[in-house]
């Protein structure tokens, strides 16, 4: 069984993406309006999630009945589905995930369009999903409130930090 497969035919991935995200900008509220639950991870492990973050996402995905996710490099001018690299992943172990050559902003997202996340070049990720997925993710990753505080502190005093305020309404307890 192949845990990670690079994908050239991206139609299915693009359809899933289009049901979750409105933008690939990790410095915004990137989700479509029906995604009302979100949180942040900070810091990440560069362009990969940290091990505990990744394992919590995989556990929440498994609990939602999913067997995998898509991963796309999204940091391109124009249509990243035409230019970017894409993989289909069957919830591989963390060591396998970190072997994927990610050197640009990227997204992991549900092929069933239940959840998605963007990993930025500023060591944070924004995660959003349906209520069941996000509840499970918060229970699998109880450190998420610390990550929110860490991100806010990292951007404190930065005149470009307004994007964080736009996220706060979808993060529990942050208003």
C-alpha atoms as a PDB file:
ATOM      1  CA  UNK A   1       0.000   0.000   0.000  1.00  0.00           C
ATOM      2  CA  UNK A   2       1.335   3.423  -0.986  1.00  0.00           C
ATOM      3  CA  UNK A   3       0.948   6.010   1.807  1.00  0.00           C
ATOM      4  CA  UNK A   4       1.807   9.003  -0.378  1.00  0.00           C
ATOM      5  CA  UNK A   5       1.220   9.296  -4.108  1.00  0.00           C
ATOM      6  CA  UNK A   6       2.073  12.312  -6.243  1.00  0.00           C
ATOM      7  CA  UNK A   7      -0.939  13.303  -8.353  1.00  0.00           C
ATOM      8  CA  UNK A   8      -0.932  14.772 -11.855  1.00  0.00           C
ATOM      9  CA  UNK A   9      -4.690  14.591 -12.523  1.00  0.00           C
ATOM     10  CA  UNK A  10      -6.005  17.148 -10.039  1.00  0.00           C
ATOM     11  CA  UNK A  11      -9.721  17.349 -10.866  1.00  0.00           C
ATOM     12  CA  UNK A  12     -10.898  15.540  -7.726  1.00  0.00           C
ATOM     13  CA  UNK A  13      -8.499  17.516  -5.549  1.00  0.00           C
ATOM     14  CA  UNK A  14      -9.631  20.798  -7.057  1.00  0.00           C
ATOM     15  CA  UNK A  15     -13.284  19.913  -6.456  1.00  0.00           C
ATOM     16  CA  UNK A  16     -12.529  19.162  -2.791  1.00  0.00           C
ATOM     17  CA  UNK A  17     -10.507  22.387  -2.435  1.00  0.00           C
ATOM     18  CA  UNK A  18     -13.323  24.456  -3.933  1.00  0.00           C
ATOM     19  CA  UNK A  19     -15.770  23.163  -1.296  1.00  0.00           C
ATOM     20  CA  UNK A  20     -13.517  24.233   1.613  1.00  0.00           C
ATOM     21  CA  UNK A  21     -11.402  27.277   0.739  1.00  0.00           C
ATOM     22  CA  UNK A  22     -12.128  30.714  -0.678  1.00  0.00           C
ATOM     23  CA  UNK A  23      -8.410  31.620  -0.870  1.00  0.00           C
ATOM     24  CA  UNK A  24      -4.931  30.124  -0.451  1.00  0.00           C
ATOM     25  CA  UNK A  25      -3.830  33.113   1.653  1.00  0.00           C
ATOM     26  CA  UNK A  26      -2.726  31.918   5.120  1.00  0.00           C
ATOM     27  CA  UNK A  27      -2.839  35.532   6.341  1.00  0.00           C
ATOM     28  CA  UNK A  28      -6.612  35.788   6.116  1.00  0.00           C
ATOM     29  CA  UNK A  29      -9.737  33.878   7.013  1.00  0.00           C
ATOM     30  CA  UNK A  30      -9.331  31.429   4.100  1.00  0.00           C
ATOM     31  CA  UNK A  31     -12.430  29.276   4.452  1.00  0.00           C
ATOM     32  CA  UNK A  32     -15.803  29.411   2.751  1.00  0.00           C
ATOM     33  CA  UNK A  33     -18.617  30.826   4.945  1.00  0.00           C
ATOM     34  CA  UNK A  34     -20.001  27.395   5.910  1.00  0.00           C
ATOM     35  CA  UNK A  35     -16.689  26.591   7.687  1.00  0.00           C
ATOM     36  CA  UNK A  36     -17.397  28.369  10.973  1.00  0.00           C
ATOM     37  CA  UNK A  37     -14.984  26.490  13.235  1.00  0.00           C
ATOM     38  CA  UNK A  38     -11.247  27.077  13.105  1.00  0.00           C
ATOM     39  CA  UNK A  39      -8.062  27.244  15.130  1.00  0.00           C
ATOM     40  CA  UNK A  40      -4.398  27.909  14.578  1.00  0.00           C
ATOM     41  CA  UNK A  41      -1.220  25.931  15.073  1.00  0.00           C
ATOM     42  CA  UNK A  42       1.868  27.896  16.089  1.00  0.00           C
ATOM     43  CA  UNK A  43       4.649  27.239  15.642  1.00  0.00           C
ATOM     44  CA  UNK A  44       4.747  24.665  12.892  1.00  0.00           C
ATOM     45  CA  UNK A  45       7.861  22.808  11.802  1.00  0.00           C
ATOM     46  CA  UNK A  46       8.650  25.092   8.876  1.00  0.00           C
ATOM     47  CA  UNK A  47       6.451  24.123   5.932  1.00  0.00           C
ATOM     48  CA  UNK A  48       5.363  20.938   7.704  1.00  0.00           C
ATOM     49  CA  UNK A  49       3.145  20.635  10.729  1.00  0.00           C
ATOM     50  CA  UNK A  50       4.848  19.743  13.990  1.00  0.00           C
ATOM     51  CA  UNK A  51       4.513  16.065  14.868  1.00  0.00           C
ATOM     52  CA  UNK A  52       1.856  16.517  17.564  1.00  0.00           C
ATOM     53  CA  UNK A  53      -0.187  18.805  15.272  1.00  0.00           C
ATOM     54  CA  UNK A  54       0.015  16.366  12.378  1.00  0.00           C
ATOM     55  CA  UNK A  55      -0.910  13.358  14.493  1.00  0.00           C
ATOM     56  CA  UNK A  56      -3.921  15.209  15.931  1.00  0.00           C
ATOM     57  CA  UNK A  57      -5.141  16.081  12.406  1.00  0.00           C
ATOM     58  CA  UNK A  58      -4.760  12.457  11.283  1.00  0.00           C
ATOM     59  CA  UNK A  59      -6.551  11.170  14.377  1.00  0.00           C
ATOM     60  CA  UNK A  60      -9.446  13.599  13.874  1.00  0.00           C
ATOM     61  CA  UNK A  61      -9.620  12.616  10.184  1.00  0.00           C
ATOM     62  CA  UNK A  62      -9.727   8.905  11.082  1.00  0.00           C
ATOM     63  CA  UNK A  63     -12.486   9.572  13.640  1.00  0.00           C
ATOM     64  CA  UNK A  64     -14.443  11.310  10.849  1.00  0.00           C
ATOM     65  CA  UNK A  65     -14.213   8.141   8.758  1.00  0.00           C
ATOM     66  CA  UNK A  66     -11.581   9.439   6.362  1.00  0.00           C
ATOM     67  CA  UNK A  67      -8.729   7.341   5.048  1.00  0.00           C
ATOM     68  CA  UNK A  68      -6.573  10.150   3.747  1.00  0.00           C
ATOM     69  CA  UNK A  69      -6.177  13.724   2.599  1.00  0.00           C
ATOM     70  CA  UNK A  70      -4.842  15.795  -0.259  1.00  0.00           C
ATOM     71  CA  UNK A  71      -1.734  17.950   0.027  1.00  0.00           C
ATOM     72  CA  UNK A  72      -1.096  20.785  -2.421  1.00  0.00           C
ATOM     73  CA  UNK A  73       1.645  23.395  -2.697  1.00  0.00           C
ATOM     74  CA  UNK A  74      -0.358  26.632  -2.975  1.00  0.00           C
ATOM     75  CA  UNK A  75       2.263  29.403  -3.032  1.00  0.00           C
ATOM     76  CA  UNK A  76       2.191  30.232  -6.727  1.00  0.00           C
ATOM     77  CA  UNK A  77       1.026  33.209  -8.748  1.00  0.00           C
ATOM     78  CA  UNK A  78      -1.991  32.152 -10.742  1.00  0.00           C
ATOM     79  CA  UNK A  79      -3.631  28.764 -10.573  1.00  0.00           C
ATOM     80  CA  UNK A  80      -1.638  26.515  -8.252  1.00  0.00           C
ATOM     81  CA  UNK A  81      -3.567  23.502  -9.553  1.00  0.00           C
ATOM     82  CA  UNK A  82      -1.824  24.011 -12.879  1.00  0.00           C
ATOM     83  CA  UNK A  83       1.641  24.835 -11.475  1.00  0.00           C
ATOM     84  CA  UNK A  84       1.862  23.278  -8.025  1.00  0.00           C
ATOM     85  CA  UNK A  85       2.764  19.861  -6.717  1.00  0.00           C
ATOM     86  CA  UNK A  86      -0.009  17.672  -5.354  1.00  0.00           C
ATOM     87  CA  UNK A  87      -0.175  14.449  -3.372  1.00  0.00           C
ATOM     88  CA  UNK A  88      -2.833  12.058  -2.183  1.00  0.00           C
ATOM     89  CA  UNK A  89      -1.905  10.794   1.281  1.00  0.00           C
ATOM     90  CA  UNK A  90      -3.396   7.832   3.135  1.00  0.00           C
ATOM     91  CA  UNK A  91      -2.720   9.194   6.641  1.00  0.00           C
ATOM     92  CA  UNK A  92       0.971   8.305   6.497  1.00  0.00           C
ATOM     93  CA  UNK A  93       3.143   8.273   9.608  1.00  0.00           C
ATOM     94  CA  UNK A  94       4.780  11.582  10.486  1.00  0.00           C
ATOM     95  CA  UNK A  95       8.214  10.478   9.255  1.00  0.00           C
ATOM     96  CA  UNK A  96       6.781   9.774   5.790  1.00  0.00           C
ATOM     97  CA  UNK A  97       4.860  13.071   5.743  1.00  0.00           C
ATOM     98  CA  UNK A  98       8.042  15.036   6.517  1.00  0.00           C
ATOM     99  CA  UNK A  99       9.777  13.407   3.536  1.00  0.00           C
ATOM    100  CA  UNK A 100       7.430  15.270   1.183  1.00  0.00           C
ATOM    101  CA  UNK A 101       9.598  18.091  -0.217  1.00  0.00           C
ATOM    102  CA  UNK A 102       7.679  21.148   0.989  1.00  0.00           C
ATOM    103  CA  UNK A 103       9.510  24.460   0.608  1.00  0.00           C
ATOM    104  CA  UNK A 104       6.495  26.688  -0.085  1.00  0.00           C
ATOM    105  CA  UNK A 105       3.153  27.361   1.552  1.00  0.00           C
ATOM    106  CA  UNK A 106       0.875  24.363   1.315  1.00  0.00           C
ATOM    107  CA  UNK A 107      -2.507  22.954   2.220  1.00  0.00           C
ATOM    108  CA  UNK A 108      -3.701  19.660   3.636  1.00  0.00           C
ATOM    109  CA  UNK A 109      -7.394  19.075   3.044  1.00  0.00           C
ATOM    110  CA  UNK A 110     -10.099  16.478   3.204  1.00  0.00           C
ATOM    111  CA  UNK A 111     -11.064  14.724  -0.003  1.00  0.00           C
ATOM    112  CA  UNK A 112     -14.556  14.604   1.536  1.00  0.00           C
ATOM    113  CA  UNK A 113     -14.440  18.408   2.028  1.00  0.00           C
ATOM    114  CA  UNK A 114     -14.842  18.180   5.825  1.00  0.00           C
ATOM    115  CA  UNK A 115     -11.743  20.157   6.782  1.00  0.00           C
ATOM    116  CA  UNK A 116      -8.658  21.907   5.491  1.00  0.00           C
ATOM    117  CA  UNK A 117      -5.578  23.714   6.678  1.00  0.00           C
ATOM    118  CA  UNK A 118      -3.015  26.118   5.267  1.00  0.00           C
ATOM    119  CA  UNK A 119       0.630  26.092   6.372  1.00  0.00           C
ATOM    120  CA  UNK A 120       2.358  29.459   6.017  1.00  0.00           C
ATOM    121  CA  UNK A 121       5.975  30.533   5.637  1.00  0.00           C
ATOM    122  CA  UNK A 122       5.600  32.350   8.997  1.00  0.00           C
ATOM    123  CA  UNK A 123       5.404  29.092  10.992  1.00  0.00           C
ATOM    124  CA  UNK A 124       1.662  28.955  11.521  1.00  0.00           C
ATOM    125  CA  UNK A 125      -1.221  26.952  10.135  1.00  0.00           C
ATOM    126  CA  UNK A 126      -4.909  27.829   9.997  1.00  0.00           C
ATOM    127  CA  UNK A 127      -7.251  24.851  10.394  1.00  0.00           C
ATOM    128  CA  UNK A 128     -10.970  24.876   9.654  1.00  0.00           C
ATOM    129  CA  UNK A 129     -13.616  22.229   9.366  1.00  0.00           C
ATOM    130  CA  UNK A 130     -17.034  20.951  10.211  1.00  0.00           C
ATOM    131  CA  UNK A 131     -18.080  20.939  13.863  1.00  0.00           C
ATOM    132  CA  UNK A 132     -17.436  17.217  14.440  1.00  0.00           C
ATOM    133  CA  UNK A 133     -13.930  17.299  12.960  1.00  0.00           C
ATOM    134  CA  UNK A 134     -12.953  20.434  14.868  1.00  0.00           C
ATOM    135  CA  UNK A 135     -14.315  19.139  18.181  1.00  0.00           C
ATOM    136  CA  UNK A 136     -12.268  15.979  17.768  1.00  0.00           C
ATOM    137  CA  UNK A 137      -9.182  17.969  16.724  1.00  0.00           C
ATOM    138  CA  UNK A 138      -9.422  20.190  19.813  1.00  0.00           C
ATOM    139  CA  UNK A 139      -9.640  17.107  22.023  1.00  0.00           C
ATOM    140  CA  UNK A 140      -6.688  15.434  20.238  1.00  0.00           C
ATOM    141  CA  UNK A 141      -4.609  18.613  20.423  1.00  0.00           C
ATOM    142  CA  UNK A 142      -5.394  20.183  23.805  1.00  0.00           C
ATOM    143  CA  UNK A 143      -2.491  22.634  23.402  1.00  0.00           C
ATOM    144  CA  UNK A 144      -4.365  24.677  20.798  1.00  0.00           C
ATOM    145  CA  UNK A 145      -5.124  27.597  23.174  1.00  0.00           C
ATOM    146  CA  UNK A 146      -1.370  27.923  23.820  1.00  0.00           C
ATOM    147  CA  UNK A 147      -0.795  28.025  20.058  1.00  0.00           C
ATOM    148  CA  UNK A 148      -3.343  30.844  19.699  1.00  0.00           C
ATOM    149  CA  UNK A 149      -1.567  32.831  22.420  1.00  0.00           C
ATOM    150  CA  UNK A 150       1.818  32.086  20.838  1.00  0.00           C
ATOM    151  CA  UNK A 151       0.677  33.331  17.428  1.00  0.00           C
ATOM    152  CA  UNK A 152      -0.822  36.498  18.886  1.00  0.00           C
ATOM    153  CA  UNK A 153       2.388  37.180  20.839  1.00  0.00           C
ATOM    154  CA  UNK A 154       4.567  36.535  17.764  1.00  0.00           C
ATOM    155  CA  UNK A 155       2.603  39.155  15.805  1.00  0.00           C
ATOM    156  CA  UNK A 156       2.228  41.635  18.669  1.00  0.00           C
ATOM    157  CA  UNK A 157       3.100  45.128  17.515  1.00  0.00           C
ATOM    158  CA  UNK A 158       3.269  44.126  13.845  1.00  0.00           C
ATOM    159  CA  UNK A 159       1.268  46.634  11.789  1.00  0.00           C
ATOM    160  CA  UNK A 160       0.208  43.786   9.469  1.00  0.00           C
ATOM    161  CA  UNK A 161      -1.357  41.696  12.267  1.00  0.00           C
ATOM    162  CA  UNK A 162      -4.971  42.653  11.499  1.00  0.00           C
ATOM    163  CA  UNK A 163      -5.525  39.345   9.720  1.00  0.00           C
ATOM    164  CA  UNK A 164      -5.439  37.599  13.118  1.00  0.00           C
ATOM    165  CA  UNK A 165      -8.434  39.646  14.299  1.00  0.00           C
ATOM    166  CA  UNK A 166     -10.396  38.312  11.332  1.00  0.00           C
ATOM    167  CA  UNK A 167      -9.793  34.740  12.509  1.00  0.00           C
ATOM    168  CA  UNK A 168     -10.780  35.216  16.130  1.00  0.00           C
ATOM    169  CA  UNK A 169     -14.563  34.893  15.685  1.00  0.00           C
ATOM    170  CA  UNK A 170     -14.201  31.271  14.506  1.00  0.00           C
ATOM    171  CA  UNK A 171     -11.794  30.220  17.303  1.00  0.00           C
ATOM    172  CA  UNK A 172     -13.575  29.154  20.519  1.00  0.00           C
ATOM    173  CA  UNK A 173     -13.168  31.568  23.418  1.00  0.00           C
ATOM    174  CA  UNK A 174     -11.255  34.198  21.441  1.00  0.00           C
ATOM    175  CA  UNK A 175     -13.761  37.062  21.234  1.00  0.00           C
END
